[in-house]
């Protein structure tokens, strides 16, 4: 699971996080990583990050852009 490994998360990456109050509902928040808050190399529930919006949560999903979208197609 790439979202559980710190080496796969870096500032500027688009992700979906789950905030602590939303753990029961599973509501995800989308944003751009500003800071990594988890210092260990792996965390079973996802790496904790702060988004540029100020939201703090654990990465649940890394958003990938397909090659066509990157090339303007």
Protein backbone atom coordinates (compact mmCIF):
# COMPACT_ATOMS: atom_id res chain seq x y z
CA UNK A 1 0.00 0.00 0.00
CA UNK A 2 1.82 3.13 -1.18
CA UNK A 3 -0.07 5.51 1.14
CA UNK A 4 1.35 3.72 4.21
CA UNK A 5 4.99 4.36 3.23
CA UNK A 6 6.53 7.75 3.98
CA UNK A 7 8.91 7.51 0.99
CA UNK A 8 5.91 7.70 -1.40
CA UNK A 9 4.54 10.95 0.04
CA UNK A 10 6.15 14.34 -0.57
CA UNK A 11 5.07 17.99 -0.46
CA UNK A 12 3.14 19.02 -3.56
CA UNK A 13 1.53 15.60 -4.03
CA UNK A 14 -2.26 15.47 -4.57
CA UNK A 15 -3.88 13.11 -2.06
CA UNK A 16 -7.13 12.21 -0.33
CA UNK A 17 -6.95 12.17 3.47
CA UNK A 18 -9.26 11.06 6.24
CA UNK A 19 -9.50 13.43 9.19
CA UNK A 20 -9.81 12.09 12.74
CA UNK A 21 -13.45 13.26 13.18
CA UNK A 22 -14.41 11.54 9.90
CA UNK A 23 -12.89 8.12 10.62
CA UNK A 24 -16.29 6.55 11.34
CA UNK A 25 -17.96 7.95 8.23
CA UNK A 26 -14.97 7.50 5.92
CA UNK A 27 -15.40 11.01 4.47
CA UNK A 28 -12.29 11.92 2.46
CA UNK A 29 -10.82 15.37 1.91
CA UNK A 30 -8.80 16.09 -1.23
CA UNK A 31 -5.81 18.41 -1.21
CA UNK A 32 -2.12 19.04 -1.77
CA UNK A 33 0.46 17.90 0.81
CA UNK A 34 2.23 20.75 2.59
CA UNK A 35 3.99 18.92 5.47
CA UNK A 36 4.57 15.32 6.51
CA UNK A 37 3.73 14.83 10.19
CA UNK A 38 4.53 11.11 10.56
CA UNK A 39 8.24 10.58 11.17
CA UNK A 40 8.31 6.77 10.96
CA UNK A 41 8.96 5.21 7.52
CA UNK A 42 5.71 3.17 7.59
CA UNK A 43 2.34 3.61 9.32
CA UNK A 44 -0.39 0.98 8.98
CA UNK A 45 -3.27 3.50 8.81
CA UNK A 46 -1.55 5.95 6.46
CA UNK A 47 1.01 8.72 6.74
CA UNK A 48 -0.25 11.78 8.63
CA UNK A 49 0.07 15.01 6.64
CA UNK A 50 -0.96 18.66 6.70
CA UNK A 51 -2.53 19.90 3.47
CA UNK A 52 -2.01 23.38 2.03
CA UNK A 53 -5.54 24.18 3.27
CA UNK A 54 -4.43 23.44 6.86
CA UNK A 55 -6.38 20.18 7.13
CA UNK A 56 -4.56 17.41 9.01
CA UNK A 57 -5.29 13.78 8.24
CA UNK A 58 -3.91 10.41 7.24
CA UNK A 59 -3.32 9.72 3.55
CA UNK A 60 -5.94 7.27 2.32
CA UNK A 61 -5.28 7.59 -1.40
CA UNK A 62 -2.66 9.12 -3.68
CA UNK A 63 -4.26 10.88 -6.64
CA UNK A 64 -2.50 10.07 -9.90
CA UNK A 65 -2.77 12.01 -13.12
CA UNK A 66 -2.89 9.89 -16.25
CA UNK A 67 -0.38 10.49 -19.06
CA UNK A 68 -3.01 11.99 -21.39
CA UNK A 69 -4.02 14.66 -18.89
CA UNK A 70 -0.37 15.60 -18.27
CA UNK A 71 0.28 16.00 -21.98
CA UNK A 72 -2.79 18.17 -22.53
CA UNK A 73 -4.72 15.52 -24.44
